[in-house]
């Protein structure tokens, strides 16, 4: 008697990808990319594998609550922000928020200072910068001017500010404001670095 033929092998299982999983994964990926972070950086920070994070972003794995909280901790994002209107939320953040690792940075080399831009774009009327000066660093011997107004706050160190021929020494906590049309220049007088929060309107960089 002939034995019945064995049934054909079952096809490989296909993950059950729900619309919610896809939307969540897309939101995680967009939030990570907006912050300029790699899969490896987020995975390491959240103590999960790169493979799992990749599966979450592709919507083929549902993260546990613990993993999701850890991922959001690395992204500096509340968990609820990943649910509902995620694309609009990510785009809105990109217009309003500048994460510390996303700052646009200009190094003035031999002048001994760096400008980091704290505004998300320069299409508005305001530009905010953090200027870090090395000892002796500054804008140079010649004063300059331009349209608008500016002001700021010394965060650390000792700043010498020249405005229209007058010199001012400003320490941490001291603030300043003046019309940008007046000739001005600045220099670090501290033995260490000096940091200044500097605001201009309209943007000049």
C-alpha atoms as a PDB file:
ATOM      1  CA  UNK A   1       0.000   0.000   0.000  1.00  0.00           C
ATOM      2  CA  UNK A   2       1.420   3.355  -1.060  1.00  0.00           C
ATOM      3  CA  UNK A   3       1.880   5.935   1.695  1.00  0.00           C
ATOM      4  CA  UNK A   4       0.104   9.250   1.115  1.00  0.00           C
ATOM      5  CA  UNK A   5       2.330  12.044  -0.211  1.00  0.00           C
ATOM      6  CA  UNK A   6       3.692  14.368   2.404  1.00  0.00           C
ATOM      7  CA  UNK A   7       2.035  17.808   2.416  1.00  0.00           C
ATOM      8  CA  UNK A   8       4.065  20.598   0.815  1.00  0.00           C
ATOM      9  CA  UNK A   9       6.123  22.679   3.259  1.00  0.00           C
ATOM     10  CA  UNK A  10       4.362  25.683   4.677  1.00  0.00           C
ATOM     11  CA  UNK A  11       5.420  29.017   3.182  1.00  0.00           C
ATOM     12  CA  UNK A  12       7.627  31.150   5.411  1.00  0.00           C
ATOM     13  CA  UNK A  13       5.651  33.262   7.793  1.00  0.00           C
ATOM     14  CA  UNK A  14       5.266  36.929   6.908  1.00  0.00           C
ATOM     15  CA  UNK A  15       5.291  39.396   9.778  1.00  0.00           C
ATOM     16  CA  UNK A  16       1.899  40.928  10.496  1.00  0.00           C
ATOM     17  CA  UNK A  17       2.649  44.556   9.755  1.00  0.00           C
ATOM     18  CA  UNK A  18      -0.104  46.794  11.020  1.00  0.00           C
ATOM     19  CA  UNK A  19      -0.683  50.356   9.918  1.00  0.00           C
ATOM     20  CA  UNK A  20      -0.003  51.485  13.489  1.00  0.00           C
ATOM     21  CA  UNK A  21       3.375  49.731  13.546  1.00  0.00           C
ATOM     22  CA  UNK A  22       4.323  51.307  10.216  1.00  0.00           C
ATOM     23  CA  UNK A  23       3.282  54.777  11.395  1.00  0.00           C
ATOM     24  CA  UNK A  24       5.178  54.395  14.666  1.00  0.00           C
ATOM     25  CA  UNK A  25       8.290  53.136  12.897  1.00  0.00           C
ATOM     26  CA  UNK A  26       8.149  55.977  10.408  1.00  0.00           C
ATOM     27  CA  UNK A  27       7.838  58.502  13.261  1.00  0.00           C
ATOM     28  CA  UNK A  28      10.856  57.034  15.063  1.00  0.00           C
ATOM     29  CA  UNK A  29      12.949  57.116  11.875  1.00  0.00           C
ATOM     30  CA  UNK A  30      11.958  60.709  11.043  1.00  0.00           C
ATOM     31  CA  UNK A  31      12.695  61.900  14.596  1.00  0.00           C
ATOM     32  CA  UNK A  32      16.089  60.171  14.506  1.00  0.00           C
ATOM     33  CA  UNK A  33      17.016  61.624  11.105  1.00  0.00           C
ATOM     34  CA  UNK A  34      15.909  65.141  12.054  1.00  0.00           C
ATOM     35  CA  UNK A  35      18.357  64.948  14.976  1.00  0.00           C
ATOM     36  CA  UNK A  36      21.171  63.708  12.760  1.00  0.00           C
ATOM     37  CA  UNK A  37      21.573  60.474  14.731  1.00  0.00           C
ATOM     38  CA  UNK A  38      22.578  57.107  13.288  1.00  0.00           C
ATOM     39  CA  UNK A  39      20.845  53.802  13.998  1.00  0.00           C
ATOM     40  CA  UNK A  40      23.904  52.775  16.001  1.00  0.00           C
ATOM     41  CA  UNK A  41      23.849  55.905  18.173  1.00  0.00           C
ATOM     42  CA  UNK A  42      20.176  55.531  19.072  1.00  0.00           C
ATOM     43  CA  UNK A  43      20.429  51.782  19.595  1.00  0.00           C
ATOM     44  CA  UNK A  44      23.454  52.163  21.890  1.00  0.00           C
ATOM     45  CA  UNK A  45      21.746  54.929  23.866  1.00  0.00           C
ATOM     46  CA  UNK A  46      18.572  52.894  24.262  1.00  0.00           C
ATOM     47  CA  UNK A  47      20.465  49.645  25.069  1.00  0.00           C
ATOM     48  CA  UNK A  48      18.834  47.729  22.220  1.00  0.00           C
ATOM     49  CA  UNK A  49      20.298  46.102  19.138  1.00  0.00           C
ATOM     50  CA  UNK A  50      20.633  47.914  15.824  1.00  0.00           C
ATOM     51  CA  UNK A  51      18.652  45.098  14.244  1.00  0.00           C
ATOM     52  CA  UNK A  52      15.704  45.606  16.577  1.00  0.00           C
ATOM     53  CA  UNK A  53      15.716  49.354  16.035  1.00  0.00           C
ATOM     54  CA  UNK A  54      15.806  48.827  12.282  1.00  0.00           C
ATOM     55  CA  UNK A  55      12.834  46.451  12.524  1.00  0.00           C
ATOM     56  CA  UNK A  56      10.923  48.989  14.634  1.00  0.00           C
ATOM     57  CA  UNK A  57      11.587  51.732  12.091  1.00  0.00           C
ATOM     58  CA  UNK A  58      10.405  49.477   9.249  1.00  0.00           C
ATOM     59  CA  UNK A  59       7.264  48.617  11.167  1.00  0.00           C
ATOM     60  CA  UNK A  60       7.933  44.876  11.333  1.00  0.00           C
ATOM     61  CA  UNK A  61       8.482  44.788  15.084  1.00  0.00           C
ATOM     62  CA  UNK A  62       6.412  46.358  17.836  1.00  0.00           C
ATOM     63  CA  UNK A  63       8.628  47.847  20.562  1.00  0.00           C
ATOM     64  CA  UNK A  64       7.960  47.119  24.198  1.00  0.00           C
ATOM     65  CA  UNK A  65       6.959  50.055  26.358  1.00  0.00           C
ATOM     66  CA  UNK A  66      10.394  49.958  27.991  1.00  0.00           C
ATOM     67  CA  UNK A  67      12.199  50.007  24.621  1.00  0.00           C
ATOM     68  CA  UNK A  68      10.002  52.805  23.318  1.00  0.00           C
ATOM     69  CA  UNK A  69      10.664  54.930  26.392  1.00  0.00           C
ATOM     70  CA  UNK A  70      14.394  54.304  26.043  1.00  0.00           C
ATOM     71  CA  UNK A  71      14.350  55.287  22.363  1.00  0.00           C
ATOM     72  CA  UNK A  72      12.406  58.456  23.140  1.00  0.00           C
ATOM     73  CA  UNK A  73      14.879  59.231  25.911  1.00  0.00           C
ATOM     74  CA  UNK A  74      17.728  59.197  23.394  1.00  0.00           C
ATOM     75  CA  UNK A  75      15.694  61.296  20.951  1.00  0.00           C
ATOM     76  CA  UNK A  76      14.721  63.733  23.735  1.00  0.00           C
ATOM     77  CA  UNK A  77      11.114  63.323  22.652  1.00  0.00           C
ATOM     78  CA  UNK A  78       7.980  62.562  24.694  1.00  0.00           C
ATOM     79  CA  UNK A  79       6.482  59.178  23.827  1.00  0.00           C
ATOM     80  CA  UNK A  80       3.108  60.672  22.932  1.00  0.00           C
ATOM     81  CA  UNK A  81       4.745  62.787  20.203  1.00  0.00           C
ATOM     82  CA  UNK A  82       5.226  59.613  18.147  1.00  0.00           C
ATOM     83  CA  UNK A  83       1.506  58.948  17.921  1.00  0.00           C
ATOM     84  CA  UNK A  84      -0.799  60.871  15.636  1.00  0.00           C
ATOM     85  CA  UNK A  85       0.245  63.578  13.205  1.00  0.00           C
ATOM     86  CA  UNK A  86       3.837  62.441  13.398  1.00  0.00           C
ATOM     87  CA  UNK A  87       5.076  63.887  10.107  1.00  0.00           C
ATOM     88  CA  UNK A  88       3.579  67.277  10.865  1.00  0.00           C
ATOM     89  CA  UNK A  89       4.988  67.134  14.386  1.00  0.00           C
ATOM     90  CA  UNK A  90       8.508  66.319  13.208  1.00  0.00           C
ATOM     91  CA  UNK A  91       8.399  69.064  10.569  1.00  0.00           C
ATOM     92  CA  UNK A  92       7.076  71.528  13.124  1.00  0.00           C
ATOM     93  CA  UNK A  93       9.918  70.707  15.507  1.00  0.00           C
ATOM     94  CA  UNK A  94      12.468  71.169  12.721  1.00  0.00           C
ATOM     95  CA  UNK A  95      11.171  74.718  12.210  1.00  0.00           C
ATOM     96  CA  UNK A  96      11.299  75.592  15.913  1.00  0.00           C
ATOM     97  CA  UNK A  97      13.932  73.512  17.700  1.00  0.00           C
ATOM     98  CA  UNK A  98      17.698  73.207  17.259  1.00  0.00           C
ATOM     99  CA  UNK A  99      19.183  70.237  19.109  1.00  0.00           C
ATOM    100  CA  UNK A 100      22.689  70.663  20.420  1.00  0.00           C
ATOM    101  CA  UNK A 101      24.101  68.193  17.876  1.00  0.00           C
ATOM    102  CA  UNK A 102      22.323  69.965  14.997  1.00  0.00           C
ATOM    103  CA  UNK A 103      23.820  73.424  15.402  1.00  0.00           C
ATOM    104  CA  UNK A 104      25.248  75.046  12.292  1.00  0.00           C
ATOM    105  CA  UNK A 105      28.842  75.940  13.158  1.00  0.00           C
ATOM    106  CA  UNK A 106      31.301  78.432  11.660  1.00  0.00           C
ATOM    107  CA  UNK A 107      34.942  78.350  12.799  1.00  0.00           C
ATOM    108  CA  UNK A 108      36.826  81.614  12.242  1.00  0.00           C
ATOM    109  CA  UNK A 109      40.189  79.881  12.495  1.00  0.00           C
ATOM    110  CA  UNK A 110      43.044  82.276  13.255  1.00  0.00           C
ATOM    111  CA  UNK A 111      40.654  84.808  14.801  1.00  0.00           C
ATOM    112  CA  UNK A 112      40.154  82.322  17.619  1.00  0.00           C
ATOM    113  CA  UNK A 113      36.401  82.027  17.863  1.00  0.00           C
ATOM    114  CA  UNK A 114      33.494  79.873  16.751  1.00  0.00           C
ATOM    115  CA  UNK A 115      29.869  80.795  16.082  1.00  0.00           C
ATOM    116  CA  UNK A 116      27.120  78.216  16.617  1.00  0.00           C
ATOM    117  CA  UNK A 117      23.670  79.117  15.341  1.00  0.00           C
ATOM    118  CA  UNK A 118      20.726  78.470  17.655  1.00  0.00           C
ATOM    119  CA  UNK A 119      17.883  79.458  15.326  1.00  0.00           C
ATOM    120  CA  UNK A 120      16.449  76.744  13.100  1.00  0.00           C
ATOM    121  CA  UNK A 121      16.487  78.935   9.987  1.00  0.00           C
ATOM    122  CA  UNK A 122      17.388  82.439   8.912  1.00  0.00           C
ATOM    123  CA  UNK A 123      14.113  83.333   7.210  1.00  0.00           C
ATOM    124  CA  UNK A 124      12.771  85.173  10.251  1.00  0.00           C
ATOM    125  CA  UNK A 125      13.740  88.507  11.753  1.00  0.00           C
ATOM    126  CA  UNK A 126      15.911  87.084  14.533  1.00  0.00           C
ATOM    127  CA  UNK A 127      19.215  85.222  14.653  1.00  0.00           C
ATOM    128  CA  UNK A 128      20.580  83.712  17.869  1.00  0.00           C
ATOM    129  CA  UNK A 129      24.155  82.488  18.219  1.00  0.00           C
ATOM    130  CA  UNK A 130      26.480  81.139  20.863  1.00  0.00           C
ATOM    131  CA  UNK A 131      29.967  82.546  20.324  1.00  0.00           C
ATOM    132  CA  UNK A 132      32.912  80.799  21.950  1.00  0.00           C
ATOM    133  CA  UNK A 133      36.200  82.715  22.015  1.00  0.00           C
ATOM    134  CA  UNK A 134      39.588  81.236  22.834  1.00  0.00           C
ATOM    135  CA  UNK A 135      42.027  83.365  24.905  1.00  0.00           C
ATOM    136  CA  UNK A 136      42.878  86.443  22.829  1.00  0.00           C
ATOM    137  CA  UNK A 137      40.286  85.548  20.208  1.00  0.00           C
ATOM    138  CA  UNK A 138      38.053  88.205  18.711  1.00  0.00           C
ATOM    139  CA  UNK A 139      36.565  89.840  15.644  1.00  0.00           C
ATOM    140  CA  UNK A 140      39.838  91.563  14.698  1.00  0.00           C
ATOM    141  CA  UNK A 141      41.500  94.968  14.906  1.00  0.00           C
ATOM    142  CA  UNK A 142      39.061  96.730  12.593  1.00  0.00           C
ATOM    143  CA  UNK A 143      35.551  97.606  13.744  1.00  0.00           C
ATOM    144  CA  UNK A 144      32.657  96.734  11.446  1.00  0.00           C
ATOM    145  CA  UNK A 145      29.001  97.649  11.129  1.00  0.00           C
ATOM    146  CA  UNK A 146      25.819  96.585   9.365  1.00  0.00           C
ATOM    147  CA  UNK A 147      22.089  97.240   9.480  1.00  0.00           C
ATOM    148  CA  UNK A 148      19.869  96.225  12.395  1.00  0.00           C
ATOM    149  CA  UNK A 149      20.259  95.817  16.135  1.00  0.00           C
ATOM    150  CA  UNK A 150      22.029  93.309  18.331  1.00  0.00           C
ATOM    151  CA  UNK A 151      22.456  92.344  21.921  1.00  0.00           C
ATOM    152  CA  UNK A 152      23.614  89.533  24.086  1.00  0.00           C
ATOM    153  CA  UNK A 153      24.631  88.034  27.385  1.00  0.00           C
ATOM    154  CA  UNK A 154      28.073  86.922  28.535  1.00  0.00           C
ATOM    155  CA  UNK A 155      27.710  83.331  29.736  1.00  0.00           C
ATOM    156  CA  UNK A 156      31.303  82.756  30.800  1.00  0.00           C
ATOM    157  CA  UNK A 157      34.630  84.589  30.818  1.00  0.00           C
ATOM    158  CA  UNK A 158      35.464  88.245  30.177  1.00  0.00           C
ATOM    159  CA  UNK A 159      34.482  90.080  26.982  1.00  0.00           C
ATOM    160  CA  UNK A 160      35.837  93.409  25.785  1.00  0.00           C
ATOM    161  CA  UNK A 161      33.250  95.091  23.581  1.00  0.00           C
ATOM    162  CA  UNK A 162      33.947  98.218  21.547  1.00  0.00           C
ATOM    163  CA  UNK A 163      30.948 100.218  20.317  1.00  0.00           C
ATOM    164  CA  UNK A 164      31.356 103.518  18.485  1.00  0.00           C
ATOM    165  CA  UNK A 165      34.762 104.183  20.037  1.00  0.00           C
ATOM    166  CA  UNK A 166      33.827 103.239  23.623  1.00  0.00           C
ATOM    167  CA  UNK A 167      35.247 100.129  25.308  1.00  0.00           C
ATOM    168  CA  UNK A 168      33.292  97.995  27.807  1.00  0.00           C
ATOM    169  CA  UNK A 169      34.444  95.034  29.885  1.00  0.00           C
ATOM    170  CA  UNK A 170      31.685  92.508  30.463  1.00  0.00           C
ATOM    171  CA  UNK A 171      31.791  89.509  32.803  1.00  0.00           C
ATOM    172  CA  UNK A 172      29.495  86.524  33.198  1.00  0.00           C
ATOM    173  CA  UNK A 173      25.901  87.728  33.590  1.00  0.00           C
ATOM    174  CA  UNK A 174      26.505  91.133  31.992  1.00  0.00           C
ATOM    175  CA  UNK A 175      24.319  92.005  29.004  1.00  0.00           C
ATOM    176  CA  UNK A 176      24.590  94.455  26.124  1.00  0.00           C
ATOM    177  CA  UNK A 177      22.563  95.911  23.251  1.00  0.00           C
ATOM    178  CA  UNK A 178      23.309  98.491  20.560  1.00  0.00           C
ATOM    179  CA  UNK A 179      22.481  99.601  17.039  1.00  0.00           C
ATOM    180  CA  UNK A 180      24.446  97.508  14.562  1.00  0.00           C
ATOM    181  CA  UNK A 181      25.102 100.574  12.385  1.00  0.00           C
ATOM    182  CA  UNK A 182      27.592 101.743  15.030  1.00  0.00           C
ATOM    183  CA  UNK A 183      31.158 100.510  14.453  1.00  0.00           C
ATOM    184  CA  UNK A 184      31.841  97.618  16.813  1.00  0.00           C
ATOM    185  CA  UNK A 185      34.248  94.790  17.574  1.00  0.00           C
ATOM    186  CA  UNK A 186      34.909  92.347  20.409  1.00  0.00           C
ATOM    187  CA  UNK A 187      37.687  90.379  22.074  1.00  0.00           C
ATOM    188  CA  UNK A 188      38.182  87.776  24.791  1.00  0.00           C
ATOM    189  CA  UNK A 189      40.178  89.157  27.738  1.00  0.00           C
ATOM    190  CA  UNK A 190      39.930  86.035  29.909  1.00  0.00           C
ATOM    191  CA  UNK A 191      42.757  83.561  30.421  1.00  0.00           C
ATOM    192  CA  UNK A 192      40.312  80.829  29.473  1.00  0.00           C
ATOM    193  CA  UNK A 193      37.488  80.764  26.980  1.00  0.00           C
ATOM    194  CA  UNK A 194      34.637  83.267  26.871  1.00  0.00           C
ATOM    195  CA  UNK A 195      31.124  82.298  25.790  1.00  0.00           C
ATOM    196  CA  UNK A 196      28.499  84.800  24.677  1.00  0.00           C
ATOM    197  CA  UNK A 197      24.856  84.410  23.727  1.00  0.00           C
ATOM    198  CA  UNK A 198      24.574  86.871  20.807  1.00  0.00           C
ATOM    199  CA  UNK A 199      21.360  87.981  19.110  1.00  0.00           C
ATOM    200  CA  UNK A 200      21.052  89.990  15.897  1.00  0.00           C
ATOM    201  CA  UNK A 201      18.128  91.292  13.885  1.00  0.00           C
ATOM    202  CA  UNK A 202      17.918  90.905  10.997  1.00  0.00           C
ATOM    203  CA  UNK A 203      20.113  87.806  10.498  1.00  0.00           C
ATOM    204  CA  UNK A 204      23.537  88.575   9.054  1.00  0.00           C
ATOM    205  CA  UNK A 205      24.839  85.014   8.610  1.00  0.00           C
END
